[in-house]
């Protein structure tokens, strides 16, 4: 063993350095393990998620609940939203009581109603997940919180209807944002999660189709269900039998109205930067020509970049789940000669379990069933459905 002039051997320095590397390695492994335990999608955050069902259609869901609002802002929730929440909770209790009843008549009624519910297009639930614009919860940029609080505490701007927000609770209701005149650039864009093999333009085009193709249908059925509900009210006079027709038609009227509100909110979420509108007269004439020719509005990469309220964020874990039951080449191309279903029951269970999407399990299975039935009848997305 060689000893230096200072009395220290080189063999003593080497273990010390190797111990440092070992310590760094352990820290990196622990960090990776810690990161792996973090949820890919925070179910308590405001976001939109696109889950491809076929090569042309997706299940698009907006994760939004009033409970996401900060405690200091809960009193700003519109009264209509609070009333709606109470009524839906009351209706849910009534349905749970009926569905868990052991009486033969109630068992038959429950089975029949479930069959009716299974026929409701899954796209309707997509639209219903989007709240009305005034009830939408948005998050303020951290660097803008001080500026927003100055507006809240300014009597000339605010009537003290709000409490100051902080970094931990930076969410506010849309109606309050408009009252305080908070500009869009001080709000965080809503993340739209999607697999990387799915182009943002594909998602935008489907959202456009929601807005363009379903509005008249929901208006029609909201009116018809409301009329039918009123006509079915006398059936409640029959003793010992629940007035299922009236309750069901009331529920369907509510669903169609909620879908209409979701469609109206899409106009706001799809807003783009004003700079794209440079020639309003020409744009209007072109829009009229397109409308006359029956062509649909199509998204482009420029539209994606200019979308103000949405931020497209691909998630590789969704790709990994889809690859298990699909060839990667087919997913990468994504535009096939023939539309086909790319989601399976196994993919649904993996998405639900690995991404914490338990609340979407039933809707995803319904989407799979409905799209499989549609394609088996050789009905393409472009074909009209009666």
Protein backbone atom coordinates (compact mmCIF):
# COMPACT_ATOMS: atom_id res chain seq x y z
CA UNK A 1 0.00 0.00 0.00
CA UNK A 2 1.46 3.32 -1.06
CA UNK A 3 1.38 6.21 1.38
CA UNK A 4 1.54 9.78 0.19
CA UNK A 5 3.44 12.58 1.86
CA UNK A 6 0.28 13.73 3.59
CA UNK A 7 -0.06 10.32 5.13
CA UNK A 8 -3.18 9.32 3.17
CA UNK A 9 -3.27 6.33 0.88
CA UNK A 10 -4.89 6.34 -2.54
CA UNK A 11 -6.78 3.17 -1.62
CA UNK A 12 -8.61 5.05 1.07
CA UNK A 13 -9.84 7.74 -1.33
CA UNK A 14 -11.37 5.30 -3.81
CA UNK A 15 -13.95 3.73 -1.46
CA UNK A 16 -15.07 7.17 -0.40
CA UNK A 17 -15.71 8.20 -4.01
CA UNK A 18 -17.48 4.92 -4.81
CA UNK A 19 -19.68 5.37 -1.76
CA UNK A 20 -20.70 8.74 -3.13
CA UNK A 21 -21.73 7.13 -6.43
CA UNK A 22 -23.66 4.45 -4.59
CA UNK A 23 -25.48 7.11 -2.61
CA UNK A 24 -26.39 9.02 -5.76
CA UNK A 25 -27.62 5.81 -7.39
CA UNK A 26 -29.84 5.00 -4.41
CA UNK A 27 -31.28 8.50 -4.49
CA UNK A 28 -32.08 8.18 -8.23
CA UNK A 29 -33.78 4.81 -7.71
CA UNK A 30 -35.84 6.20 -4.85
CA UNK A 31 -36.78 9.22 -6.96
CA UNK A 32 -37.94 6.98 -9.81
CA UNK A 33 -39.99 4.86 -7.43
CA UNK A 34 -41.53 7.96 -5.92
CA UNK A 35 -42.41 9.31 -9.38
CA UNK A 36 -43.98 6.00 -10.40
CA UNK A 37 -46.37 6.21 -7.47
CA UNK A 38 -47.62 9.61 -8.58
CA UNK A 39 -50.92 9.52 -10.53
CA UNK A 40 -50.57 10.18 -14.25
CA UNK A 41 -53.83 12.15 -14.20
CA UNK A 42 -54.96 13.89 -11.04
CA UNK A 43 -58.65 13.01 -10.72
CA UNK A 44 -59.14 16.08 -8.50
CA UNK A 45 -57.91 18.47 -11.19
CA UNK A 46 -59.80 20.24 -13.95
CA UNK A 47 -59.00 18.59 -17.27
CA UNK A 48 -60.39 17.09 -20.47
CA UNK A 49 -59.43 13.61 -21.65
CA UNK A 50 -59.83 12.03 -25.09
CA UNK A 51 -60.05 8.22 -25.22
CA UNK A 52 -60.12 6.83 -28.79
CA UNK A 53 -62.94 4.34 -29.43
CA UNK A 54 -62.54 3.92 -33.19
CA UNK A 55 -60.05 5.29 -35.68
CA UNK A 56 -62.44 8.25 -36.19
CA UNK A 57 -64.27 8.77 -32.90
CA UNK A 58 -63.30 9.25 -29.26
CA UNK A 59 -64.91 9.48 -25.87
CA UNK A 60 -64.18 13.05 -24.76
CA UNK A 61 -64.80 13.80 -21.09
CA UNK A 62 -64.45 16.97 -19.01
CA UNK A 63 -63.42 16.24 -15.42
CA UNK A 64 -65.12 19.02 -13.49
CA UNK A 65 -66.78 19.10 -10.07
CA UNK A 66 -67.73 22.01 -7.78
CA UNK A 67 -65.71 20.31 -5.01
CA UNK A 68 -62.56 21.32 -6.94
CA UNK A 69 -63.22 24.95 -6.06
CA UNK A 70 -61.07 26.39 -3.29
CA UNK A 71 -62.70 26.73 0.13
CA UNK A 72 -62.37 30.49 -0.03
CA UNK A 73 -64.45 30.54 -3.23
CA UNK A 74 -67.22 27.99 -2.56
CA UNK A 75 -69.75 30.72 -1.79
CA UNK A 76 -69.39 32.07 -5.35
CA UNK A 77 -71.00 28.97 -6.91
CA UNK A 78 -74.22 30.07 -8.71
CA UNK A 79 -77.46 29.19 -6.90
CA UNK A 80 -78.73 27.25 -9.92
CA UNK A 81 -75.70 24.94 -9.70
CA UNK A 82 -76.28 24.32 -5.99
CA UNK A 83 -79.96 23.60 -6.64
CA UNK A 84 -79.10 21.24 -9.49
CA UNK A 85 -76.66 19.37 -7.25
CA UNK A 86 -79.29 18.88 -4.56
CA UNK A 87 -81.93 17.70 -7.05
CA UNK A 88 -79.57 15.22 -8.71
CA UNK A 89 -78.57 13.83 -5.31
CA UNK A 90 -82.26 13.43 -4.43
CA UNK A 91 -82.99 11.69 -7.74
CA UNK A 92 -79.95 9.45 -7.28
CA UNK A 93 -81.20 8.34 -3.86
CA UNK A 94 -84.62 7.54 -5.34
CA UNK A 95 -83.07 5.51 -8.16
CA UNK A 96 -80.79 3.60 -5.77
CA UNK A 97 -83.76 2.76 -3.58
CA UNK A 98 -85.73 1.48 -6.59
CA UNK A 99 -82.82 -0.47 -8.11
CA UNK A 100 -82.02 -2.22 -4.81
CA UNK A 101 -85.62 -3.13 -4.11
CA UNK A 102 -86.41 -6.87 -4.07
CA UNK A 103 -90.05 -6.45 -5.08
CA UNK A 104 -90.71 -8.28 -8.38
CA UNK A 105 -92.36 -5.24 -9.99
CA UNK A 106 -89.43 -2.98 -9.04
CA UNK A 107 -86.91 -5.53 -10.34
CA UNK A 108 -88.70 -5.59 -13.72
CA UNK A 109 -88.89 -1.80 -13.83
CA UNK A 110 -85.17 -1.48 -13.02
CA UNK A 111 -84.23 -3.98 -15.72
CA UNK A 112 -86.38 -2.17 -18.30
CA UNK A 113 -85.00 1.27 -17.41
CA UNK A 114 -81.41 0.02 -17.61
CA UNK A 115 -82.10 -1.26 -21.13
CA UNK A 116 -83.41 2.18 -22.07
CA UNK A 117 -80.37 3.89 -20.54
CA UNK A 118 -78.04 1.62 -22.52
CA UNK A 119 -79.50 2.99 -25.76
CA UNK A 120 -78.58 6.61 -24.94
CA UNK A 121 -75.70 7.71 -27.22
CA UNK A 122 -72.46 7.89 -25.27
CA UNK A 123 -71.70 11.23 -26.95
CA UNK A 124 -74.49 12.73 -24.87
CA UNK A 125 -72.59 11.98 -21.68
CA UNK A 126 -69.52 13.55 -23.25
CA UNK A 127 -71.44 16.79 -23.74
CA UNK A 128 -73.07 16.61 -20.31
CA UNK A 129 -69.65 16.46 -18.67
CA UNK A 130 -68.95 20.02 -19.86
CA UNK A 131 -70.54 22.49 -17.41
CA UNK A 132 -72.18 25.73 -18.43
CA UNK A 133 -69.73 28.56 -19.04
CA UNK A 134 -70.77 30.50 -15.93
CA UNK A 135 -70.26 27.45 -13.70
CA UNK A 136 -66.86 26.49 -15.12
CA UNK A 137 -63.97 26.48 -12.67
CA UNK A 138 -60.65 27.93 -13.87
CA UNK A 139 -57.25 28.24 -12.24
CA UNK A 140 -55.33 31.51 -12.01
CA UNK A 141 -51.64 31.60 -12.94
CA UNK A 142 -49.42 31.68 -9.86
CA UNK A 143 -47.70 34.85 -11.04
CA UNK A 144 -51.10 36.55 -11.43
CA UNK A 145 -52.55 35.71 -8.00
CA UNK A 146 -51.35 38.97 -6.43
CA UNK A 147 -52.88 40.98 -9.27
CA UNK A 148 -56.20 39.12 -8.95
CA UNK A 149 -56.29 39.62 -5.18
CA UNK A 150 -55.80 43.36 -5.65
CA UNK A 151 -58.94 43.37 -7.82
CA UNK A 152 -60.88 41.32 -5.27
CA UNK A 153 -59.94 43.73 -2.47
CA UNK A 154 -60.66 46.83 -4.57
CA UNK A 155 -64.17 48.15 -3.69
CA UNK A 156 -64.40 49.90 -7.05
CA UNK A 157 -64.10 46.55 -8.86
CA UNK A 158 -65.46 43.98 -6.43
CA UNK A 159 -68.34 44.25 -3.97
CA UNK A 160 -66.48 42.00 -1.49
CA UNK A 161 -68.38 38.99 -2.81
CA UNK A 162 -65.15 36.99 -2.97
CA UNK A 163 -62.34 36.07 -0.63
CA UNK A 164 -58.71 36.41 -1.59
CA UNK A 165 -57.17 33.38 -3.29
CA UNK A 166 -53.78 31.84 -2.60
CA UNK A 167 -51.27 29.63 -4.38
CA UNK A 168 -52.73 26.44 -2.91
CA UNK A 169 -56.29 27.42 -3.87
CA UNK A 170 -56.00 29.32 -7.13
CA UNK A 171 -59.34 28.22 -8.61
CA UNK A 172 -62.24 30.56 -9.31
CA UNK A 173 -65.70 30.27 -10.86
CA UNK A 174 -66.05 31.65 -14.39
CA UNK A 175 -68.82 34.09 -13.45
CA UNK A 176 -66.53 35.61 -10.81
CA UNK A 177 -63.69 35.82 -13.32
CA UNK A 178 -65.92 37.84 -15.64
CA UNK A 179 -67.10 40.10 -12.79
CA UNK A 180 -63.49 40.91 -11.91
CA UNK A 181 -62.56 41.29 -15.60
CA UNK A 182 -59.61 38.90 -15.28
CA UNK A 183 -57.96 38.56 -18.73
CA UNK A 184 -57.51 35.15 -20.31
CA UNK A 185 -53.70 35.38 -20.19
CA UNK A 186 -53.91 35.28 -16.38
CA UNK A 187 -55.71 31.91 -16.44
CA UNK A 188 -54.13 28.49 -16.82
CA UNK A 189 -55.28 26.69 -19.97
CA UNK A 190 -57.29 23.53 -19.31
CA UNK A 191 -55.13 20.47 -20.09
CA UNK A 192 -56.58 18.09 -22.68
CA UNK A 193 -54.95 14.68 -22.19
CA UNK A 194 -54.77 12.31 -25.16
CA UNK A 195 -52.58 9.50 -26.54
CA UNK A 196 -49.65 10.71 -28.60
CA UNK A 197 -50.83 8.70 -31.62
CA UNK A 198 -53.98 10.85 -31.73
CA UNK A 199 -53.52 14.22 -33.40
CA UNK A 200 -54.98 17.30 -31.66
CA UNK A 201 -56.65 18.24 -34.95
CA UNK A 202 -58.59 14.95 -34.84
CA UNK A 203 -59.86 15.79 -31.36
CA UNK A 204 -60.83 19.33 -32.36
CA UNK A 205 -62.71 18.05 -35.41
CA UNK A 206 -64.78 15.73 -33.24
CA UNK A 207 -65.56 18.58 -30.85
CA UNK A 208 -66.65 20.62 -33.88
CA UNK A 209 -68.96 17.77 -34.88
CA UNK A 210 -70.47 17.76 -31.37
CA UNK A 211 -71.33 21.40 -31.80
CA UNK A 212 -72.56 21.21 -35.39
CA UNK A 213 -74.39 17.88 -35.58
CA UNK A 214 -76.07 17.36 -32.21
CA UNK A 215 -77.49 20.73 -31.22
CA UNK A 216 -80.74 20.46 -33.21
CA UNK A 217 -81.24 16.87 -32.04
CA UNK A 218 -80.93 17.77 -28.36
CA UNK A 219 -83.22 20.77 -28.80
CA UNK A 220 -85.83 18.51 -30.37
CA UNK A 221 -85.68 15.81 -27.71
CA UNK A 222 -85.54 18.28 -24.82
CA UNK A 223 -88.88 19.69 -26.05
CA UNK A 224 -90.47 16.29 -26.75
CA UNK A 225 -89.40 14.82 -23.41
CA UNK A 226 -90.75 17.87 -21.55
CA UNK A 227 -94.13 17.51 -23.29
CA UNK A 228 -94.16 13.76 -22.61
CA UNK A 229 -93.30 14.29 -18.96
CA UNK A 230 -96.28 16.61 -18.48
CA UNK A 231 -98.56 14.16 -20.28
CA UNK A 232 -97.36 11.29 -18.05
CA UNK A 233 -97.97 13.09 -14.75
CA UNK A 234 -101.55 11.70 -14.35
CA UNK A 235 -100.06 8.19 -14.19
CA UNK A 236 -98.86 9.10 -10.72
CA UNK A 237 -102.45 8.71 -9.53
CA UNK A 238 -102.17 4.93 -9.94
CA UNK A 239 -101.61 3.53 -6.42
CA UNK A 240 -98.67 1.27 -5.47
CA UNK A 241 -96.79 1.93 -8.74
CA UNK A 242 -94.01 4.50 -9.23
CA UNK A 243 -94.61 6.90 -12.10
CA UNK A 244 -91.66 5.58 -14.11
CA UNK A 245 -92.63 7.21 -17.46
CA UNK A 246 -92.78 10.69 -15.93
CA UNK A 247 -89.53 10.23 -14.00
CA UNK A 248 -87.71 8.81 -17.02
CA UNK A 249 -88.93 11.55 -19.38
CA UNK A 250 -87.98 14.20 -16.81
CA UNK A 251 -84.50 12.68 -16.61
CA UNK A 252 -84.17 12.61 -20.40
CA UNK A 253 -85.32 16.23 -20.67
CA UNK A 254 -82.70 17.18 -18.08
CA UNK A 255 -79.98 15.25 -19.94
CA UNK A 256 -80.78 16.95 -23.25
CA UNK A 257 -80.77 20.40 -21.65
CA UNK A 258 -77.40 19.62 -20.01
CA UNK A 259 -76.05 18.50 -23.38
CA UNK A 260 -77.21 21.79 -24.93
CA UNK A 261 -75.42 23.74 -22.20
CA UNK A 262 -72.30 21.70 -22.90
CA UNK A 263 -72.53 22.56 -26.61
CA UNK A 264 -72.82 26.26 -25.80
CA UNK A 265 -69.76 26.04 -23.55
CA UNK A 266 -67.76 24.43 -26.36
CA UNK A 267 -68.00 27.71 -28.29
CA UNK A 268 -66.11 29.35 -25.43
CA UNK A 269 -63.51 26.60 -25.02
CA UNK A 270 -62.81 26.58 -28.76
CA UNK A 271 -62.07 30.31 -28.92
CA UNK A 272 -58.81 31.16 -30.69
CA UNK A 273 -56.46 34.12 -30.59
CA UNK A 274 -58.05 37.24 -32.14
CA UNK A 275 -55.08 37.62 -34.50
CA UNK A 276 -56.46 34.91 -36.80
CA UNK A 277 -59.43 37.13 -37.65
CA UNK A 278 -57.79 39.65 -39.97
CA UNK A 279 -60.52 40.03 -42.60
CA UNK A 280 -63.94 39.67 -40.95
CA UNK A 281 -65.94 40.46 -44.10
CA UNK A 282 -64.14 37.87 -46.23
CA UNK A 283 -64.29 35.32 -43.41
CA UNK A 284 -68.05 35.76 -43.14
CA UNK A 285 -68.54 35.33 -46.89
CA UNK A 286 -66.36 32.23 -46.90
CA UNK A 287 -68.28 30.82 -43.95
CA UNK A 288 -71.56 31.32 -45.80
CA UNK A 289 -70.16 29.57 -48.88
CA UNK A 290 -68.97 26.65 -46.78
CA UNK A 291 -72.36 26.44 -45.08
CA UNK A 292 -74.15 26.39 -48.44
CA UNK A 293 -71.89 23.65 -49.75
CA UNK A 294 -72.45 21.61 -46.61
CA UNK A 295 -68.77 21.34 -45.72
CA UNK A 296 -67.76 20.92 -42.08
CA UNK A 297 -65.41 23.15 -40.13
CA UNK A 298 -61.98 21.54 -40.05
CA UNK A 299 -59.14 22.13 -37.61
CA UNK A 300 -55.53 22.75 -38.60
CA UNK A 301 -52.23 22.92 -36.74
CA UNK A 302 -52.67 26.70 -36.66
CA UNK A 303 -56.04 26.26 -34.96
CA UNK A 304 -54.46 23.99 -32.34
CA UNK A 305 -51.73 26.53 -31.57
CA UNK A 306 -54.19 29.42 -31.38
CA UNK A 307 -56.73 27.67 -29.13
CA UNK A 308 -56.81 29.89 -26.05
CA UNK A 309 -58.43 27.81 -23.31
CA UNK A 310 -57.13 24.28 -24.07
CA UNK A 311 -53.59 22.88 -23.84
CA UNK A 312 -53.08 19.53 -25.60
CA UNK A 313 -50.91 17.16 -23.55
CA UNK A 314 -50.09 13.66 -24.89
CA UNK A 315 -49.72 10.84 -22.35
CA UNK A 316 -47.42 7.98 -23.35
CA UNK A 317 -49.01 5.59 -20.84
CA UNK A 318 -52.25 5.64 -22.85
CA UNK A 319 -50.24 4.63 -25.94
CA UNK A 320 -48.69 1.75 -24.01
CA UNK A 321 -52.14 0.47 -23.03
CA UNK A 322 -53.48 0.62 -26.60
CA UNK A 323 -50.42 -1.13 -28.06
CA UNK A 324 -51.18 -4.23 -25.99
CA UNK A 325 -54.22 -5.01 -28.17
CA UNK A 326 -53.33 -3.13 -31.38
CA UNK A 327 -50.47 -3.00 -33.84
CA UNK A 328 -48.40 0.12 -33.31
CA UNK A 329 -48.30 0.87 -37.04
CA UNK A 330 -52.09 1.03 -37.21
CA UNK A 331 -52.23 3.44 -34.28
CA UNK A 332 -49.50 5.66 -35.73
CA UNK A 333 -51.30 5.96 -39.05
CA UNK A 334 -54.64 6.40 -37.29
CA UNK A 335 -56.46 7.22 -40.55
CA UNK A 336 -57.48 3.90 -42.07
CA UNK A 337 -59.26 3.05 -45.29
CA UNK A 338 -62.03 1.51 -43.22
CA UNK A 339 -63.06 2.82 -39.82
CA UNK A 340 -62.52 0.20 -37.12
CA UNK A 341 -62.78 -0.16 -33.35
CA UNK A 342 -59.41 0.15 -31.58
CA UNK A 343 -60.56 -0.09 -27.96
CA UNK A 344 -61.26 -3.42 -26.26
CA UNK A 345 -62.65 -4.54 -22.93
CA UNK A 346 -59.08 -5.26 -21.83
CA UNK A 347 -57.96 -1.75 -22.79
CA UNK A 348 -60.90 -0.27 -20.90
CA UNK A 349 -60.00 -2.17 -17.73
CA UNK A 350 -56.35 -1.14 -18.05
CA UNK A 351 -57.29 2.52 -18.56
CA UNK A 352 -59.64 2.42 -15.59
CA UNK A 353 -57.21 0.68 -13.24
CA UNK A 354 -53.94 2.32 -14.27
CA UNK A 355 -55.18 5.89 -14.79
CA UNK A 356 -57.80 5.98 -12.03
CA UNK A 357 -60.78 6.35 -14.39
CA UNK A 358 -63.25 4.21 -12.45
CA UNK A 359 -66.00 6.77 -13.01
CA UNK A 360 -65.72 6.25 -16.79
CA UNK A 361 -65.87 2.45 -16.87
CA UNK A 362 -69.60 2.18 -17.65
CA UNK A 363 -69.52 4.90 -20.32
CA UNK A 364 -66.49 3.37 -22.06
CA UNK A 365 -68.14 -0.06 -22.20
CA UNK A 366 -71.27 1.60 -23.62
CA UNK A 367 -69.17 3.42 -26.22
CA UNK A 368 -67.48 0.15 -27.22
CA UNK A 369 -70.84 -1.62 -27.55
CA UNK A 370 -72.48 1.19 -29.55
CA UNK A 371 -69.56 1.73 -31.94
CA UNK A 372 -69.19 -2.01 -32.54
CA UNK A 373 -72.90 -2.26 -33.37
CA UNK A 374 -72.70 0.79 -35.66
CA UNK A 375 -69.72 -0.51 -37.61
CA UNK A 376 -71.28 -3.97 -37.89
CA UNK A 377 -74.13 -2.26 -39.72
CA UNK A 378 -71.54 -0.62 -42.01
CA UNK A 379 -72.52 2.91 -40.95
CA UNK A 380 -69.59 5.29 -41.25
CA UNK A 381 -69.15 8.52 -39.30
CA UNK A 382 -70.06 10.56 -42.39
CA UNK A 383 -73.30 8.65 -42.99
CA UNK A 384 -76.53 10.12 -41.57
CA UNK A 385 -78.06 8.26 -38.65
CA UNK A 386 -81.85 8.43 -38.22
